[in-house]
Amino acid sequence: MIICPNCSHQNPDGAVQCESCYTPLPATLACPSCGSTIQADAHFCGQCGFNLKSAAPLPATEVMTSGPITAAGDAALGSLDPLVMPDPLEIPPIPDLAELPVASAESMAAAPMTPGEATFATLPEVSAAPTPLPTPAAPIAGQHTQLQQQSARLLHLQTNSTLELPQGLSVIHLGKPNDRIPPDVDVSGFPNSDIVSRVHADIRVEGDDYYLEDVGSANGTYVNNLPLSPGNRHRLRPGDRIALGKGDLVTFLFQLA
């Protein structure tokens, strides 16, 4: 097998290029000691360890002088004709330029010009001034390119009112006013807010994803009527039902706009 030096694909013996990546494969020969197939540029046989450089053929001059010349060879050498020097070439003399006829301007103007005899004078002149670039169109008044930014909000089910979540914050605190961690979303004005802890839950923003986690509230946090264990977090999806405290008394729907 011939291993491709580019992709290490095993190719059959005698292959010229790789069957996988079409890279030209190195030439191969048979080891003079064990007969294994090896690359022509290898120094040692990979099977028996034979030193391939020691088996290199003699130079052409030594091969010619190492053996006796046969009779057939002598006859062939003796039948060669002796070298015959060719006759020197006869170079005609160069005529004198002063004696050559000179065409006048009138004769040149009268003679018709074939397409193959066109001169540079017949070429159109090319202006060296650069081609001006097209002027970009002026923007239409009143048009502004705006990037859409995803915003989230909480819909309070008991009062059907909406709380927009503040943008630019990585952690949004839900709760009621306190001296330790002031809430970013204050729910103290909603009915039954007494069951909500002052530091109740957090919404963490990671890119376009929102995660809800309970931070050790007294009455717990529920997502879709299931309790959210402290330390765990839930990835919010549009329509998720969030209840702060037991009894589903302070309930919000998570929405994306």
C-alpha atoms as a PDB file:
ATOM      1  CA  MET A   1       0.000   0.000   0.000  1.00  0.00           C
ATOM      2  CA  ILE A   2       1.092   3.591  -0.697  1.00  0.00           C
ATOM      3  CA  ILE A   3       0.342   6.059   2.117  1.00  0.00           C
ATOM      4  CA  CYS A   4      -0.703   9.534   0.870  1.00  0.00           C
ATOM      5  CA  PRO A   5       1.637  12.184   2.409  1.00  0.00           C
ATOM      6  CA  ASN A   6      -1.250  14.706   2.427  1.00  0.00           C
ATOM      7  CA  CYS A   7      -4.278  12.852   3.909  1.00  0.00           C
ATOM      8  CA  SER A   8      -2.670   9.488   5.017  1.00  0.00           C
ATOM      9  CA  HIS A   9      -5.081   7.540   2.775  1.00  0.00           C
ATOM     10  CA  GLN A  10      -3.914   3.998   1.922  1.00  0.00           C
ATOM     11  CA  ASN A  11      -3.693   3.611  -1.833  1.00  0.00           C
ATOM     12  CA  PRO A  12      -3.033   0.357  -3.789  1.00  0.00           C
ATOM     13  CA  ASP A  13       0.444  -0.384  -5.089  1.00  0.00           C
ATOM     14  CA  GLY A  14       1.151   1.261  -8.420  1.00  0.00           C
ATOM     15  CA  ALA A  15      -1.211   4.204  -7.826  1.00  0.00           C
ATOM     16  CA  VAL A  16      -0.009   7.529  -9.285  1.00  0.00           C
ATOM     17  CA  GLN A  17      -2.259   9.903  -7.315  1.00  0.00           C
ATOM     18  CA  CYS A  18      -4.254   9.649  -4.087  1.00  0.00           C
ATOM     19  CA  GLU A  19      -7.746   8.203  -4.499  1.00  0.00           C
ATOM     20  CA  SER A  20      -9.051  10.508  -1.732  1.00  0.00           C
ATOM     21  CA  CYS A  21      -7.431  13.957  -2.248  1.00  0.00           C
ATOM     22  CA  TYR A  22      -5.821  13.452  -5.717  1.00  0.00           C
ATOM     23  CA  THR A  23      -2.355  14.412  -4.422  1.00  0.00           C
ATOM     24  CA  PRO A  24       0.516  12.991  -6.574  1.00  0.00           C
ATOM     25  CA  LEU A  25       1.957   9.980  -4.774  1.00  0.00           C
ATOM     26  CA  PRO A  26       5.714   9.371  -4.344  1.00  0.00           C
ATOM     27  CA  ALA A  27       7.402   6.835  -6.620  1.00  0.00           C
ATOM     28  CA  THR A  28       7.957   3.351  -5.152  1.00  0.00           C
ATOM     29  CA  LEU A  29      10.380   0.520  -5.735  1.00  0.00           C
ATOM     30  CA  ALA A  30      11.042  -2.975  -4.353  1.00  0.00           C
ATOM     31  CA  CYS A  31      13.546  -3.477  -1.514  1.00  0.00           C
ATOM     32  CA  PRO A  32      16.571  -5.407  -2.914  1.00  0.00           C
ATOM     33  CA  SER A  33      16.792  -7.356   0.366  1.00  0.00           C
ATOM     34  CA  CYS A  34      13.211  -8.440   1.228  1.00  0.00           C
ATOM     35  CA  GLY A  35      11.202  -7.306  -1.824  1.00  0.00           C
ATOM     36  CA  SER A  36       8.835  -5.030   0.159  1.00  0.00           C
ATOM     37  CA  THR A  37       7.377  -1.964  -1.584  1.00  0.00           C
ATOM     38  CA  ILE A  38       9.087   1.226  -0.352  1.00  0.00           C
ATOM     39  CA  GLN A  39       9.288   4.850  -1.484  1.00  0.00           C
ATOM     40  CA  ALA A  40      12.044   5.721  -3.935  1.00  0.00           C
ATOM     41  CA  ASP A  41      13.397   8.515  -1.675  1.00  0.00           C
ATOM     42  CA  ALA A  42      13.627   6.266   1.456  1.00  0.00           C
ATOM     43  CA  HIS A  43      17.023   5.673   3.111  1.00  0.00           C
ATOM     44  CA  PHE A  44      16.127   2.418   4.885  1.00  0.00           C
ATOM     45  CA  CYS A  45      13.580  -0.356   4.256  1.00  0.00           C
ATOM     46  CA  GLY A  46      10.665  -0.192   6.746  1.00  0.00           C
ATOM     47  CA  GLN A  47      10.392  -4.010   6.833  1.00  0.00           C
ATOM     48  CA  CYS A  48      13.941  -5.368   7.098  1.00  0.00           C
ATOM     49  CA  GLY A  49      15.954  -2.182   7.795  1.00  0.00           C
ATOM     50  CA  PHE A  50      18.159  -2.624   4.727  1.00  0.00           C
ATOM     51  CA  ASN A  51      20.351   0.399   3.938  1.00  0.00           C
ATOM     52  CA  LEU A  52      19.043   1.481   0.553  1.00  0.00           C
ATOM     53  CA  LYS A  53      21.845   3.992  -0.037  1.00  0.00           C
ATOM     54  CA  SER A  54      24.470   1.236   0.095  1.00  0.00           C
ATOM     55  CA  ALA A  55      22.693  -0.501  -2.805  1.00  0.00           C
ATOM     56  CA  ALA A  56      22.664   2.606  -5.045  1.00  0.00           C
ATOM     57  CA  PRO A  57      23.773   1.895  -8.664  1.00  0.00           C
ATOM     58  CA  LEU A  58      27.263   2.917  -9.780  1.00  0.00           C
ATOM     59  CA  PRO A  59      27.723   6.043 -11.884  1.00  0.00           C
ATOM     60  CA  ALA A  60      27.392   5.632 -15.614  1.00  0.00           C
ATOM     61  CA  THR A  61      31.146   6.070 -16.195  1.00  0.00           C
ATOM     62  CA  GLU A  62      32.077   3.249 -13.787  1.00  0.00           C
ATOM     63  CA  VAL A  63      29.493   0.887 -15.274  1.00  0.00           C
ATOM     64  CA  MET A  64      30.906   1.398 -18.740  1.00  0.00           C
ATOM     65  CA  THR A  65      34.492   0.710 -17.689  1.00  0.00           C
ATOM     66  CA  SER A  66      33.873  -2.102 -15.172  1.00  0.00           C
ATOM     67  CA  GLY A  67      33.071  -4.871 -17.718  1.00  0.00           C
ATOM     68  CA  PRO A  68      34.740  -6.062 -20.924  1.00  0.00           C
ATOM     69  CA  ILE A  69      33.421  -4.899 -24.210  1.00  0.00           C
ATOM     70  CA  THR A  70      31.907  -7.671 -26.283  1.00  0.00           C
ATOM     71  CA  ALA A  71      32.738  -8.423 -29.857  1.00  0.00           C
ATOM     72  CA  ALA A  72      29.391  -7.104 -30.972  1.00  0.00           C
ATOM     73  CA  GLY A  73      30.178  -3.874 -29.207  1.00  0.00           C
ATOM     74  CA  ASP A  74      33.588  -3.669 -30.784  1.00  0.00           C
ATOM     75  CA  ALA A  75      32.066  -4.220 -34.212  1.00  0.00           C
ATOM     76  CA  ALA A  76      29.505  -1.538 -33.576  1.00  0.00           C
ATOM     77  CA  LEU A  77      32.178   0.931 -32.484  1.00  0.00           C
ATOM     78  CA  GLY A  78      34.394   0.027 -35.387  1.00  0.00           C
ATOM     79  CA  SER A  79      31.605   0.549 -37.904  1.00  0.00           C
ATOM     80  CA  LEU A  80      31.180   4.166 -36.980  1.00  0.00           C
ATOM     81  CA  ASP A  81      32.191   6.616 -39.677  1.00  0.00           C
ATOM     82  CA  PRO A  82      34.861   9.169 -38.811  1.00  0.00           C
ATOM     83  CA  LEU A  83      33.701  12.627 -38.056  1.00  0.00           C
ATOM     84  CA  VAL A  84      33.627  14.912 -41.090  1.00  0.00           C
ATOM     85  CA  MET A  85      33.797  18.620 -40.542  1.00  0.00           C
ATOM     86  CA  PRO A  86      31.122  20.460 -42.582  1.00  0.00           C
ATOM     87  CA  ASP A  87      32.050  23.174 -44.977  1.00  0.00           C
ATOM     88  CA  PRO A  88      32.021  26.660 -43.522  1.00  0.00           C
ATOM     89  CA  LEU A  89      28.873  28.611 -44.155  1.00  0.00           C
ATOM     90  CA  GLU A  90      29.054  31.324 -46.748  1.00  0.00           C
ATOM     91  CA  ILE A  91      27.698  34.554 -45.298  1.00  0.00           C
ATOM     92  CA  PRO A  92      26.667  37.122 -47.912  1.00  0.00           C
ATOM     93  CA  PRO A  93      28.119  40.583 -47.458  1.00  0.00           C
ATOM     94  CA  ILE A  94      26.006  43.187 -45.728  1.00  0.00           C
ATOM     95  CA  PRO A  95      24.892  45.892 -48.148  1.00  0.00           C
ATOM     96  CA  ASP A  96      25.705  49.481 -47.449  1.00  0.00           C
ATOM     97  CA  LEU A  97      22.774  51.264 -45.846  1.00  0.00           C
ATOM     98  CA  ALA A  98      23.507  54.397 -47.790  1.00  0.00           C
ATOM     99  CA  GLU A  99      22.785  52.579 -51.045  1.00  0.00           C
ATOM    100  CA  LEU A 100      19.331  51.309 -49.966  1.00  0.00           C
ATOM    101  CA  PRO A 101      16.319  53.178 -51.455  1.00  0.00           C
ATOM    102  CA  VAL A 102      14.420  55.437 -49.038  1.00  0.00           C
ATOM    103  CA  ALA A 103      10.653  55.726 -49.429  1.00  0.00           C
ATOM    104  CA  SER A 104       9.370  59.268 -49.563  1.00  0.00           C
ATOM    105  CA  ALA A 105       6.471  60.607 -47.547  1.00  0.00           C
ATOM    106  CA  GLU A 106       4.371  60.966 -50.715  1.00  0.00           C
ATOM    107  CA  SER A 107       4.840  57.302 -51.665  1.00  0.00           C
ATOM    108  CA  MET A 108       3.966  56.162 -48.156  1.00  0.00           C
ATOM    109  CA  ALA A 109       0.787  58.237 -48.159  1.00  0.00           C
ATOM    110  CA  ALA A 110      -0.285  56.922 -51.577  1.00  0.00           C
ATOM    111  CA  ALA A 111       0.271  53.257 -50.760  1.00  0.00           C
ATOM    112  CA  PRO A 112      -2.754  51.514 -49.248  1.00  0.00           C
ATOM    113  CA  MET A 113      -2.320  50.222 -45.699  1.00  0.00           C
ATOM    114  CA  THR A 114      -3.398  46.694 -44.833  1.00  0.00           C
ATOM    115  CA  PRO A 115      -4.941  45.886 -41.417  1.00  0.00           C
ATOM    116  CA  GLY A 116      -1.696  44.211 -40.334  1.00  0.00           C
ATOM    117  CA  GLU A 117       0.320  47.382 -41.002  1.00  0.00           C
ATOM    118  CA  ALA A 118      -1.578  49.640 -38.604  1.00  0.00           C
ATOM    119  CA  THR A 119       0.634  52.027 -36.675  1.00  0.00           C
ATOM    120  CA  PHE A 120       0.288  53.588 -33.269  1.00  0.00           C
ATOM    121  CA  ALA A 121      -0.837  56.821 -34.928  1.00  0.00           C
ATOM    122  CA  THR A 122      -4.148  55.207 -35.882  1.00  0.00           C
ATOM    123  CA  LEU A 123      -4.980  54.252 -32.269  1.00  0.00           C
ATOM    124  CA  PRO A 124      -7.561  56.434 -30.509  1.00  0.00           C
ATOM    125  CA  GLU A 125      -6.289  58.720 -27.829  1.00  0.00           C
ATOM    126  CA  VAL A 126      -6.951  57.534 -24.271  1.00  0.00           C
ATOM    127  CA  SER A 127      -7.645  60.102 -21.619  1.00  0.00           C
ATOM    128  CA  ALA A 128      -5.523  59.757 -18.485  1.00  0.00           C
ATOM    129  CA  ALA A 129      -8.192  61.334 -16.280  1.00  0.00           C
ATOM    130  CA  PRO A 130      -9.734  58.763 -13.874  1.00  0.00           C
ATOM    131  CA  THR A 131     -13.410  57.913 -14.183  1.00  0.00           C
ATOM    132  CA  PRO A 132     -15.295  59.692 -11.397  1.00  0.00           C
ATOM    133  CA  LEU A 133     -17.048  57.443  -8.892  1.00  0.00           C
ATOM    134  CA  PRO A 134     -20.839  57.673  -8.724  1.00  0.00           C
ATOM    135  CA  THR A 135     -22.118  59.974  -6.025  1.00  0.00           C
ATOM    136  CA  PRO A 136     -24.053  58.091  -3.332  1.00  0.00           C
ATOM    137  CA  ALA A 137     -27.707  58.922  -3.140  1.00  0.00           C
ATOM    138  CA  ALA A 138     -28.627  61.325  -0.402  1.00  0.00           C
ATOM    139  CA  PRO A 139     -30.699  59.805   2.419  1.00  0.00           C
ATOM    140  CA  ILE A 140     -34.388  60.561   2.353  1.00  0.00           C
ATOM    141  CA  ALA A 141     -35.467  62.919   5.085  1.00  0.00           C
ATOM    142  CA  GLY A 142     -37.185  61.181   7.953  1.00  0.00           C
ATOM    143  CA  GLN A 143     -35.628  57.770   7.327  1.00  0.00           C
ATOM    144  CA  HIS A 144     -33.372  56.379  10.069  1.00  0.00           C
ATOM    145  CA  THR A 145     -31.913  52.924  10.409  1.00  0.00           C
ATOM    146  CA  GLN A 146     -32.931  51.452  13.746  1.00  0.00           C
ATOM    147  CA  LEU A 147     -31.895  48.158  15.301  1.00  0.00           C
ATOM    148  CA  GLN A 148     -34.707  46.190  16.856  1.00  0.00           C
ATOM    149  CA  GLN A 149     -34.046  45.467  20.501  1.00  0.00           C
ATOM    150  CA  GLN A 150     -35.893  42.709  22.320  1.00  0.00           C
ATOM    151  CA  SER A 151     -37.738  43.888  25.396  1.00  0.00           C
ATOM    152  CA  ALA A 152     -39.534  41.889  28.079  1.00  0.00           C
ATOM    153  CA  ARG A 153     -42.439  42.686  30.367  1.00  0.00           C
ATOM    154  CA  LEU A 154     -44.585  41.151  33.096  1.00  0.00           C
ATOM    155  CA  LEU A 155     -48.381  41.175  32.803  1.00  0.00           C
ATOM    156  CA  HIS A 156     -50.054  41.203  36.252  1.00  0.00           C
ATOM    157  CA  LEU A 157     -53.063  38.927  35.923  1.00  0.00           C
ATOM    158  CA  GLN A 158     -55.004  40.233  38.949  1.00  0.00           C
ATOM    159  CA  THR A 159     -55.049  43.861  37.717  1.00  0.00           C
ATOM    160  CA  ASN A 160     -54.271  43.322  33.997  1.00  0.00           C
ATOM    161  CA  SER A 161     -51.448  45.872  34.242  1.00  0.00           C
ATOM    162  CA  THR A 162     -48.039  45.641  32.590  1.00  0.00           C
ATOM    163  CA  LEU A 163     -44.576  46.110  34.093  1.00  0.00           C
ATOM    164  CA  GLU A 164     -41.769  46.757  31.609  1.00  0.00           C
ATOM    165  CA  LEU A 165     -38.502  45.115  32.633  1.00  0.00           C
ATOM    166  CA  PRO A 166     -35.653  47.676  32.680  1.00  0.00           C
ATOM    167  CA  GLN A 167     -33.127  47.300  29.868  1.00  0.00           C
ATOM    168  CA  GLY A 168     -29.359  47.376  30.272  1.00  0.00           C
ATOM    169  CA  LEU A 169     -29.348  45.351  33.512  1.00  0.00           C
ATOM    170  CA  SER A 170     -27.875  41.874  33.740  1.00  0.00           C
ATOM    171  CA  VAL A 171     -29.784  41.162  37.013  1.00  0.00           C
ATOM    172  CA  ILE A 172     -33.323  42.470  37.661  1.00  0.00           C
ATOM    173  CA  HIS A 173     -34.450  42.269  41.315  1.00  0.00           C
ATOM    174  CA  LEU A 174     -38.128  41.516  42.066  1.00  0.00           C
ATOM    175  CA  GLY A 175     -39.488  42.453  45.494  1.00  0.00           C
ATOM    176  CA  LYS A 176     -40.450  45.378  47.692  1.00  0.00           C
ATOM    177  CA  PRO A 177     -38.519  48.441  48.934  1.00  0.00           C
ATOM    178  CA  ASN A 178     -35.765  47.625  51.444  1.00  0.00           C
ATOM    179  CA  ASP A 179     -32.395  48.941  52.608  1.00  0.00           C
ATOM    180  CA  ARG A 180     -30.372  45.900  51.473  1.00  0.00           C
ATOM    181  CA  ILE A 181     -31.206  45.304  47.784  1.00  0.00           C
ATOM    182  CA  PRO A 182     -33.708  47.846  46.370  1.00  0.00           C
ATOM    183  CA  PRO A 183     -36.018  46.160  43.813  1.00  0.00           C
ATOM    184  CA  ASP A 184     -35.852  46.989  40.117  1.00  0.00           C
ATOM    185  CA  VAL A 185     -39.461  45.761  39.804  1.00  0.00           C
ATOM    186  CA  ASP A 186     -41.500  46.953  42.824  1.00  0.00           C
ATOM    187  CA  VAL A 187     -44.650  44.878  43.469  1.00  0.00           C
ATOM    188  CA  SER A 188     -45.602  46.561  46.730  1.00  0.00           C
ATOM    189  CA  GLY A 189     -48.518  48.394  45.078  1.00  0.00           C
ATOM    190  CA  PHE A 190     -50.314  45.215  43.925  1.00  0.00           C
ATOM    191  CA  PRO A 191     -53.047  43.479  45.976  1.00  0.00           C
ATOM    192  CA  ASN A 192     -51.863  40.726  48.354  1.00  0.00           C
ATOM    193  CA  SER A 193     -48.259  41.950  48.073  1.00  0.00           C
ATOM    194  CA  ASP A 194     -47.769  41.132  51.762  1.00  0.00           C
ATOM    195  CA  ILE A 195     -46.907  37.535  50.775  1.00  0.00           C
ATOM    196  CA  VAL A 196     -44.014  38.792  48.629  1.00  0.00           C
ATOM    197  CA  SER A 197     -40.628  39.069  50.339  1.00  0.00           C
ATOM    198  CA  ARG A 198     -38.655  42.279  50.140  1.00  0.00           C
ATOM    199  CA  VAL A 199     -35.869  40.408  48.332  1.00  0.00           C
ATOM    200  CA  HIS A 200     -37.915  37.733  46.577  1.00  0.00           C
ATOM    201  CA  ALA A 201     -36.575  36.684  43.132  1.00  0.00           C
ATOM    202  CA  ASP A 202     -34.139  37.722  40.374  1.00  0.00           C
ATOM    203  CA  ILE A 203     -34.378  37.691  36.579  1.00  0.00           C
ATOM    204  CA  ARG A 204     -30.948  37.279  34.983  1.00  0.00           C
ATOM    205  CA  VAL A 205     -30.418  38.485  31.398  1.00  0.00           C
ATOM    206  CA  GLU A 206     -27.883  36.603  29.241  1.00  0.00           C
ATOM    207  CA  GLY A 207     -28.000  37.822  25.653  1.00  0.00           C
ATOM    208  CA  ASP A 208     -31.569  37.264  24.465  1.00  0.00           C
ATOM    209  CA  ASP A 209     -32.344  34.761  27.223  1.00  0.00           C
ATOM    210  CA  TYR A 210     -34.037  35.482  30.563  1.00  0.00           C
ATOM    211  CA  TYR A 211     -33.638  33.224  33.618  1.00  0.00           C
ATOM    212  CA  LEU A 212     -35.771  33.332  36.812  1.00  0.00           C
ATOM    213  CA  GLU A 213     -34.403  32.211  40.179  1.00  0.00           C
ATOM    214  CA  ASP A 214     -35.649  32.414  43.759  1.00  0.00           C
ATOM    215  CA  VAL A 215     -33.240  34.147  46.157  1.00  0.00           C
ATOM    216  CA  GLY A 216     -34.554  32.628  49.385  1.00  0.00           C
ATOM    217  CA  SER A 217     -38.048  34.111  49.686  1.00  0.00           C
ATOM    218  CA  ALA A 218     -40.280  33.144  52.623  1.00  0.00           C
ATOM    219  CA  ASN A 219     -43.262  31.985  50.540  1.00  0.00           C
ATOM    220  CA  GLY A 220     -41.412  30.671  47.470  1.00  0.00           C
ATOM    221  CA  THR A 221     -41.565  31.309  43.726  1.00  0.00           C
ATOM    222  CA  TYR A 222     -43.668  29.216  41.329  1.00  0.00           C
ATOM    223  CA  VAL A 223     -43.343  28.786  37.541  1.00  0.00           C
ATOM    224  CA  ASN A 224     -46.348  27.297  35.759  1.00  0.00           C
ATOM    225  CA  ASN A 225     -47.690  26.167  39.166  1.00  0.00           C
ATOM    226  CA  LEU A 226     -44.477  24.303  40.030  1.00  0.00           C
ATOM    227  CA  PRO A 227     -42.201  25.463  42.873  1.00  0.00           C
ATOM    228  CA  LEU A 228     -38.790  26.819  41.905  1.00  0.00           C
ATOM    229  CA  SER A 229     -36.143  25.541  44.309  1.00  0.00           C
ATOM    230  CA  PRO A 230     -33.726  28.163  45.708  1.00  0.00           C
ATOM    231  CA  GLY A 231     -30.442  27.986  43.828  1.00  0.00           C
ATOM    232  CA  ASN A 232     -32.068  26.640  40.655  1.00  0.00           C
ATOM    233  CA  ARG A 233     -33.089  28.811  37.760  1.00  0.00           C
ATOM    234  CA  HIS A 234     -35.688  28.505  35.013  1.00  0.00           C
ATOM    235  CA  ARG A 235     -35.298  29.795  31.458  1.00  0.00           C
ATOM    236  CA  LEU A 236     -38.327  31.967  30.845  1.00  0.00           C
ATOM    237  CA  ARG A 237     -40.376  31.562  27.678  1.00  0.00           C
ATOM    238  CA  PRO A 238     -43.214  33.762  26.481  1.00  0.00           C
ATOM    239  CA  GLY A 239     -46.403  32.769  28.305  1.00  0.00           C
ATOM    240  CA  ASP A 240     -44.698  31.366  31.420  1.00  0.00           C
ATOM    241  CA  ARG A 241     -46.785  31.925  34.574  1.00  0.00           C
ATOM    242  CA  ILE A 242     -44.815  33.375  37.493  1.00  0.00           C
ATOM    243  CA  ALA A 243     -46.336  33.425  40.996  1.00  0.00           C
ATOM    244  CA  LEU A 244     -44.579  35.274  43.812  1.00  0.00           C
ATOM    245  CA  GLY A 245     -45.660  33.490  46.977  1.00  0.00           C
ATOM    246  CA  LYS A 246     -48.208  30.752  47.697  1.00  0.00           C
ATOM    247  CA  GLY A 247     -51.833  30.690  46.638  1.00  0.00           C
ATOM    248  CA  ASP A 248     -51.308  32.191  43.164  1.00  0.00           C
ATOM    249  CA  LEU A 249     -52.262  35.616  44.548  1.00  0.00           C
ATOM    250  CA  VAL A 250     -49.514  37.730  42.924  1.00  0.00           C
ATOM    251  CA  THR A 251     -49.204  36.290  39.426  1.00  0.00           C
ATOM    252  CA  PHE A 252     -47.499  37.526  36.255  1.00  0.00           C
ATOM    253  CA  LEU A 253     -47.236  36.307  32.653  1.00  0.00           C
ATOM    254  CA  PHE A 254     -43.797  36.671  31.032  1.00  0.00           C
ATOM    255  CA  GLN A 255     -43.974  38.346  27.615  1.00  0.00           C
ATOM    256  CA  LEU A 256     -41.471  39.413  24.925  1.00  0.00           C
ATOM    257  CA  ALA A 257     -42.002  42.427  22.670  1.00  0.00           C
END
